[in-house]
Amino acid sequence: MKVYLHYALVLLIITALACGILALVNQQTKPIIDRNLFDEENNAREQVISAAKTFEKQELKNGKVYYIAKDEKGKEIGYTFISCGRGYSSDVQIMVGIDTDFKIEKIIIIQQSETPGLGANCIKPEFSEKYTNLEYKDLTVDKDGGNIKSITGATITTRTVTNAIKKDIYDLENELAGITFKQEVKDELI
């Protein structure tokens, strides 16, 4: 019995030391990781609305964050936000830039872990270009009767990107216009 207690005590000490070291490493690296993520998002914002000089952070009633893009004179020229949806094998995050008429200027896939050679093709520029100058009502995948051609073998990824963007543009446009719908009605419209 003493042997088991001895082993348990040694294991407890090793585990406590390992946890302490991990906590110390996390404390040192977390600010750096957070700063890099912030810089990546700012870079993506600047890419989706290249004419913007500043971005003003705002929040919708549902808690979703968006940024008002302003030119050098402080005039609103569009909005940026991150859309997210569940793809085939992972969450797909998209940085979306829209103008003040709610037409898409550009999108960039900022995070995905979809199947290589299939869904992962969503990071290619030709995929993102399909969304340029589209309005909310135009965001439907060809397999659902729309005009956005799906990635071959990756309809789920294409549908995820399209529906995530469509929902977030819908929410932003309606909140900025002062329109609110009950959730059931909103689900029917989308």
C-alpha atoms as a PDB file:
ATOM      1  CA  MET A   1       0.000   0.000   0.000  1.00  0.00           C
ATOM      2  CA  LYS A   2       2.892   2.367   0.778  1.00  0.00           C
ATOM      3  CA  VAL A   3       4.225   1.836  -2.740  1.00  0.00           C
ATOM      4  CA  TYR A   4       0.941   3.007  -4.284  1.00  0.00           C
ATOM      5  CA  LEU A   5       0.859   6.099  -2.107  1.00  0.00           C
ATOM      6  CA  HIS A   6       4.465   6.843  -3.038  1.00  0.00           C
ATOM      7  CA  TYR A   7       3.684   6.541  -6.773  1.00  0.00           C
ATOM      8  CA  ALA A   8       0.552   8.654  -6.386  1.00  0.00           C
ATOM      9  CA  LEU A   9       2.504  11.378  -4.589  1.00  0.00           C
ATOM     10  CA  VAL A  10       5.258  11.391  -7.237  1.00  0.00           C
ATOM     11  CA  LEU A  11       2.640  11.556 -10.003  1.00  0.00           C
ATOM     12  CA  LEU A  12       0.859  14.403  -8.200  1.00  0.00           C
ATOM     13  CA  ILE A  13       4.096  16.394  -7.932  1.00  0.00           C
ATOM     14  CA  ILE A  14       4.987  15.836 -11.596  1.00  0.00           C
ATOM     15  CA  THR A  15       1.475  16.838 -12.696  1.00  0.00           C
ATOM     16  CA  ALA A  16       1.520  19.977 -10.537  1.00  0.00           C
ATOM     17  CA  LEU A  17       4.891  21.013 -11.964  1.00  0.00           C
ATOM     18  CA  ALA A  18       3.726  20.392 -15.532  1.00  0.00           C
ATOM     19  CA  CYS A  19       0.559  22.442 -14.951  1.00  0.00           C
ATOM     20  CA  GLY A  20       2.576  25.271 -13.423  1.00  0.00           C
ATOM     21  CA  ILE A  21       4.980  25.348 -16.368  1.00  0.00           C
ATOM     22  CA  LEU A  22       2.085  25.306 -18.860  1.00  0.00           C
ATOM     23  CA  ALA A  23       0.367  28.169 -17.015  1.00  0.00           C
ATOM     24  CA  LEU A  24       3.587  30.191 -17.063  1.00  0.00           C
ATOM     25  CA  VAL A  25       4.124  29.582 -20.798  1.00  0.00           C
ATOM     26  CA  ASN A  26       0.486  30.492 -21.513  1.00  0.00           C
ATOM     27  CA  GLN A  27       0.820  33.689 -19.497  1.00  0.00           C
ATOM     28  CA  GLN A  28       3.848  34.694 -21.583  1.00  0.00           C
ATOM     29  CA  THR A  29       2.483  33.743 -25.026  1.00  0.00           C
ATOM     30  CA  LYS A  30      -1.218  34.706 -24.807  1.00  0.00           C
ATOM     31  CA  PRO A  31      -0.674  38.473 -25.286  1.00  0.00           C
ATOM     32  CA  ILE A  32       1.525  37.796 -28.310  1.00  0.00           C
ATOM     33  CA  ILE A  33      -1.026  35.425 -29.849  1.00  0.00           C
ATOM     34  CA  ASP A  34      -3.872  37.899 -29.200  1.00  0.00           C
ATOM     35  CA  ARG A  35      -1.869  40.734 -30.794  1.00  0.00           C
ATOM     36  CA  ASN A  36      -1.076  38.617 -33.872  1.00  0.00           C
ATOM     37  CA  LEU A  37      -4.762  37.693 -34.248  1.00  0.00           C
ATOM     38  CA  PHE A  38      -5.753  41.363 -33.942  1.00  0.00           C
ATOM     39  CA  ASP A  39      -3.168  42.332 -36.598  1.00  0.00           C
ATOM     40  CA  GLU A  40      -4.387  39.573 -38.948  1.00  0.00           C
ATOM     41  CA  GLU A  41      -7.988  40.766 -38.624  1.00  0.00           C
ATOM     42  CA  ASN A  42      -6.984  44.393 -39.250  1.00  0.00           C
ATOM     43  CA  ASN A  43      -4.993  43.318 -42.306  1.00  0.00           C
ATOM     44  CA  ALA A  44      -7.999  41.380 -43.619  1.00  0.00           C
ATOM     45  CA  ARG A  45     -10.263  44.413 -43.003  1.00  0.00           C
ATOM     46  CA  GLU A  46      -7.906  46.596 -45.022  1.00  0.00           C
ATOM     47  CA  GLN A  47      -7.946  44.040 -47.848  1.00  0.00           C
ATOM     48  CA  VAL A  48     -11.740  43.760 -48.108  1.00  0.00           C
ATOM     49  CA  ILE A  49     -12.250  47.548 -48.156  1.00  0.00           C
ATOM     50  CA  SER A  50      -8.976  48.921 -49.455  1.00  0.00           C
ATOM     51  CA  ALA A  51     -10.193  52.537 -49.688  1.00  0.00           C
ATOM     52  CA  ALA A  52     -10.794  52.705 -45.921  1.00  0.00           C
ATOM     53  CA  LYS A  53      -8.401  54.652 -43.740  1.00  0.00           C
ATOM     54  CA  THR A  54     -10.045  53.909 -40.379  1.00  0.00           C
ATOM     55  CA  PHE A  55     -12.373  51.306 -38.934  1.00  0.00           C
ATOM     56  CA  GLU A  56     -14.777  52.111 -36.107  1.00  0.00           C
ATOM     57  CA  LYS A  57     -15.896  49.152 -34.002  1.00  0.00           C
ATOM     58  CA  GLN A  58     -19.647  48.768 -33.420  1.00  0.00           C
ATOM     59  CA  GLU A  59     -21.893  46.058 -32.018  1.00  0.00           C
ATOM     60  CA  LEU A  60     -25.298  44.808 -33.113  1.00  0.00           C
ATOM     61  CA  LYS A  61     -28.065  44.057 -30.614  1.00  0.00           C
ATOM     62  CA  ASN A  62     -27.320  40.345 -30.974  1.00  0.00           C
ATOM     63  CA  GLY A  63     -23.717  40.966 -29.842  1.00  0.00           C
ATOM     64  CA  LYS A  64     -22.145  40.556 -33.286  1.00  0.00           C
ATOM     65  CA  VAL A  65     -19.260  42.965 -33.891  1.00  0.00           C
ATOM     66  CA  TYR A  66     -18.876  44.904 -37.119  1.00  0.00           C
ATOM     67  CA  TYR A  67     -16.683  47.808 -38.197  1.00  0.00           C
ATOM     68  CA  ILE A  68     -17.666  50.979 -40.010  1.00  0.00           C
ATOM     69  CA  ALA A  69     -15.089  51.699 -42.721  1.00  0.00           C
ATOM     70  CA  LYS A  70     -14.353  55.390 -43.198  1.00  0.00           C
ATOM     71  CA  ASP A  71     -12.284  57.243 -45.774  1.00  0.00           C
ATOM     72  CA  GLU A  72      -9.655  59.909 -45.022  1.00  0.00           C
ATOM     73  CA  LYS A  73     -12.417  62.541 -44.578  1.00  0.00           C
ATOM     74  CA  GLY A  74     -14.313  60.404 -42.054  1.00  0.00           C
ATOM     75  CA  LYS A  75     -17.127  59.524 -44.456  1.00  0.00           C
ATOM     76  CA  GLU A  76     -18.685  56.064 -44.144  1.00  0.00           C
ATOM     77  CA  ILE A  77     -17.781  53.956 -47.167  1.00  0.00           C
ATOM     78  CA  GLY A  78     -18.800  50.506 -45.965  1.00  0.00           C
ATOM     79  CA  TYR A  79     -18.805  47.878 -43.273  1.00  0.00           C
ATOM     80  CA  THR A  80     -16.669  44.866 -42.391  1.00  0.00           C
ATOM     81  CA  PHE A  81     -17.480  41.881 -40.217  1.00  0.00           C
ATOM     82  CA  ILE A  82     -16.510  38.274 -39.677  1.00  0.00           C
ATOM     83  CA  SER A  83     -19.045  35.658 -40.725  1.00  0.00           C
ATOM     84  CA  CYS A  84     -18.739  32.143 -39.417  1.00  0.00           C
ATOM     85  CA  GLY A  85     -20.464  28.901 -40.304  1.00  0.00           C
ATOM     86  CA  ARG A  86     -19.965  25.180 -39.856  1.00  0.00           C
ATOM     87  CA  GLY A  87     -18.496  23.630 -42.992  1.00  0.00           C
ATOM     88  CA  TYR A  88     -17.956  19.972 -43.798  1.00  0.00           C
ATOM     89  CA  SER A  89     -15.170  19.393 -41.283  1.00  0.00           C
ATOM     90  CA  SER A  90     -14.627  22.688 -39.479  1.00  0.00           C
ATOM     91  CA  ASP A  91     -15.853  26.184 -38.831  1.00  0.00           C
ATOM     92  CA  VAL A  92     -15.156  28.562 -41.699  1.00  0.00           C
ATOM     93  CA  GLN A  93     -14.506  32.213 -40.845  1.00  0.00           C
ATOM     94  CA  ILE A  94     -14.887  34.847 -43.539  1.00  0.00           C
ATOM     95  CA  MET A  95     -13.922  38.516 -43.437  1.00  0.00           C
ATOM     96  CA  VAL A  96     -16.583  40.362 -45.429  1.00  0.00           C
ATOM     97  CA  GLY A  97     -16.426  43.904 -46.763  1.00  0.00           C
ATOM     98  CA  ILE A  98     -19.608  45.553 -48.016  1.00  0.00           C
ATOM     99  CA  ASP A  99     -20.311  49.044 -49.267  1.00  0.00           C
ATOM    100  CA  THR A 100     -22.986  51.351 -47.862  1.00  0.00           C
ATOM    101  CA  ASP A 101     -25.516  49.875 -50.321  1.00  0.00           C
ATOM    102  CA  PHE A 102     -24.821  46.440 -48.773  1.00  0.00           C
ATOM    103  CA  LYS A 103     -23.148  45.054 -51.897  1.00  0.00           C
ATOM    104  CA  ILE A 104     -20.171  42.818 -51.255  1.00  0.00           C
ATOM    105  CA  GLU A 105     -16.874  44.469 -52.129  1.00  0.00           C
ATOM    106  CA  LYS A 106     -14.676  41.507 -51.262  1.00  0.00           C
ATOM    107  CA  ILE A 107     -14.461  38.469 -49.010  1.00  0.00           C
ATOM    108  CA  ILE A 108     -11.444  36.655 -47.599  1.00  0.00           C
ATOM    109  CA  ILE A 109     -11.482  33.269 -45.897  1.00  0.00           C
ATOM    110  CA  ILE A 110      -9.475  33.896 -42.732  1.00  0.00           C
ATOM    111  CA  GLN A 111      -9.787  30.496 -41.077  1.00  0.00           C
ATOM    112  CA  GLN A 112     -10.782  27.032 -42.270  1.00  0.00           C
ATOM    113  CA  SER A 113      -9.781  23.396 -41.920  1.00  0.00           C
ATOM    114  CA  GLU A 114     -11.820  21.914 -44.713  1.00  0.00           C
ATOM    115  CA  THR A 115     -10.797  18.852 -46.744  1.00  0.00           C
ATOM    116  CA  PRO A 116      -7.574  19.548 -48.695  1.00  0.00           C
ATOM    117  CA  GLY A 117      -8.196  19.641 -52.438  1.00  0.00           C
ATOM    118  CA  LEU A 118     -11.945  20.042 -51.988  1.00  0.00           C
ATOM    119  CA  GLY A 119     -13.414  22.442 -49.414  1.00  0.00           C
ATOM    120  CA  ALA A 120     -10.001  23.964 -48.730  1.00  0.00           C
ATOM    121  CA  ASN A 121     -10.163  25.418 -52.253  1.00  0.00           C
ATOM    122  CA  CYS A 122     -12.347  28.130 -50.711  1.00  0.00           C
ATOM    123  CA  ILE A 123      -9.149  30.063 -49.938  1.00  0.00           C
ATOM    124  CA  LYS A 124      -8.385  30.500 -53.642  1.00  0.00           C
ATOM    125  CA  PRO A 125      -8.979  33.984 -55.091  1.00  0.00           C
ATOM    126  CA  GLU A 126     -11.320  32.672 -57.801  1.00  0.00           C
ATOM    127  CA  PHE A 127     -13.695  31.426 -55.111  1.00  0.00           C
ATOM    128  CA  SER A 128     -13.791  34.795 -53.327  1.00  0.00           C
ATOM    129  CA  GLU A 129     -14.315  36.643 -56.606  1.00  0.00           C
ATOM    130  CA  LYS A 130     -17.694  34.894 -57.056  1.00  0.00           C
ATOM    131  CA  TYR A 131     -19.095  37.090 -54.287  1.00  0.00           C
ATOM    132  CA  THR A 132     -17.903  40.486 -55.518  1.00  0.00           C
ATOM    133  CA  ASN A 133     -20.729  42.996 -56.199  1.00  0.00           C
ATOM    134  CA  LEU A 134     -23.455  40.616 -55.035  1.00  0.00           C
ATOM    135  CA  GLU A 135     -26.366  41.776 -52.916  1.00  0.00           C
ATOM    136  CA  TYR A 136     -28.142  39.888 -50.150  1.00  0.00           C
ATOM    137  CA  LYS A 137     -30.829  38.564 -52.482  1.00  0.00           C
ATOM    138  CA  ASP A 138     -28.196  37.132 -54.887  1.00  0.00           C
ATOM    139  CA  LEU A 139     -26.550  34.927 -52.276  1.00  0.00           C
ATOM    140  CA  THR A 140     -27.724  31.426 -53.147  1.00  0.00           C
ATOM    141  CA  VAL A 141     -25.651  28.442 -54.239  1.00  0.00           C
ATOM    142  CA  ASP A 142     -26.304  26.947 -57.693  1.00  0.00           C
ATOM    143  CA  LYS A 143     -27.330  23.607 -56.138  1.00  0.00           C
ATOM    144  CA  ASP A 144     -30.129  25.538 -54.405  1.00  0.00           C
ATOM    145  CA  GLY A 145     -31.200  27.381 -57.564  1.00  0.00           C
ATOM    146  CA  GLY A 146     -28.873  30.353 -57.203  1.00  0.00           C
ATOM    147  CA  ASN A 147     -26.012  31.824 -59.196  1.00  0.00           C
ATOM    148  CA  ILE A 148     -22.975  31.048 -57.003  1.00  0.00           C
ATOM    149  CA  LYS A 149     -21.218  28.041 -58.512  1.00  0.00           C
ATOM    150  CA  SER A 150     -20.227  25.474 -55.891  1.00  0.00           C
ATOM    151  CA  ILE A 151     -16.691  24.206 -55.526  1.00  0.00           C
ATOM    152  CA  THR A 152     -16.622  20.790 -57.188  1.00  0.00           C
ATOM    153  CA  GLY A 153     -17.015  18.172 -54.464  1.00  0.00           C
ATOM    154  CA  ALA A 154     -17.470  20.802 -51.763  1.00  0.00           C
ATOM    155  CA  THR A 155     -21.020  22.063 -51.965  1.00  0.00           C
ATOM    156  CA  ILE A 156     -21.260  22.089 -48.165  1.00  0.00           C
ATOM    157  CA  THR A 157     -18.340  24.522 -47.850  1.00  0.00           C
ATOM    158  CA  THR A 158     -19.746  26.794 -50.559  1.00  0.00           C
ATOM    159  CA  ARG A 159     -23.183  26.705 -48.957  1.00  0.00           C
ATOM    160  CA  THR A 160     -21.661  27.446 -45.523  1.00  0.00           C
ATOM    161  CA  VAL A 161     -19.797  30.516 -46.779  1.00  0.00           C
ATOM    162  CA  THR A 162     -22.800  31.776 -48.737  1.00  0.00           C
ATOM    163  CA  ASN A 163     -25.355  31.306 -45.970  1.00  0.00           C
ATOM    164  CA  ALA A 164     -23.104  32.764 -43.260  1.00  0.00           C
ATOM    165  CA  ILE A 165     -22.507  35.912 -45.307  1.00  0.00           C
ATOM    166  CA  LYS A 166     -26.179  36.159 -46.276  1.00  0.00           C
ATOM    167  CA  LYS A 167     -27.367  35.918 -42.664  1.00  0.00           C
ATOM    168  CA  ASP A 168     -24.903  38.509 -41.390  1.00  0.00           C
ATOM    169  CA  ILE A 169     -25.612  41.016 -44.176  1.00  0.00           C
ATOM    170  CA  TYR A 170     -29.313  40.527 -43.500  1.00  0.00           C
ATOM    171  CA  ASP A 171     -28.854  41.170 -39.763  1.00  0.00           C
ATOM    172  CA  LEU A 172     -26.642  44.219 -40.315  1.00  0.00           C
ATOM    173  CA  GLU A 173     -28.841  45.779 -42.976  1.00  0.00           C
ATOM    174  CA  ASN A 174     -32.015  45.341 -40.957  1.00  0.00           C
ATOM    175  CA  GLU A 175     -30.555  46.609 -37.703  1.00  0.00           C
ATOM    176  CA  LEU A 176     -29.069  49.681 -39.363  1.00  0.00           C
ATOM    177  CA  ALA A 177     -32.462  50.310 -40.970  1.00  0.00           C
ATOM    178  CA  GLY A 178     -34.147  49.897 -37.572  1.00  0.00           C
ATOM    179  CA  ILE A 179     -36.080  46.791 -38.587  1.00  0.00           C
ATOM    180  CA  THR A 180     -36.447  43.876 -36.190  1.00  0.00           C
ATOM    181  CA  PHE A 181     -38.098  40.534 -36.859  1.00  0.00           C
ATOM    182  CA  LYS A 182     -39.051  37.668 -34.619  1.00  0.00           C
ATOM    183  CA  GLN A 183     -36.572  34.782 -34.949  1.00  0.00           C
ATOM    184  CA  GLU A 184     -39.151  32.479 -36.627  1.00  0.00           C
ATOM    185  CA  VAL A 185     -39.859  35.039 -39.338  1.00  0.00           C
ATOM    186  CA  LYS A 186     -36.147  35.686 -39.850  1.00  0.00           C
ATOM    187  CA  ASP A 187     -35.444  31.957 -40.275  1.00  0.00           C
ATOM    188  CA  GLU A 188     -38.157  31.739 -42.951  1.00  0.00           C
ATOM    189  CA  LEU A 189     -36.728  34.680 -44.881  1.00  0.00           C
ATOM    190  CA  ILE A 190     -33.225  33.229 -44.932  1.00  0.00           C
END
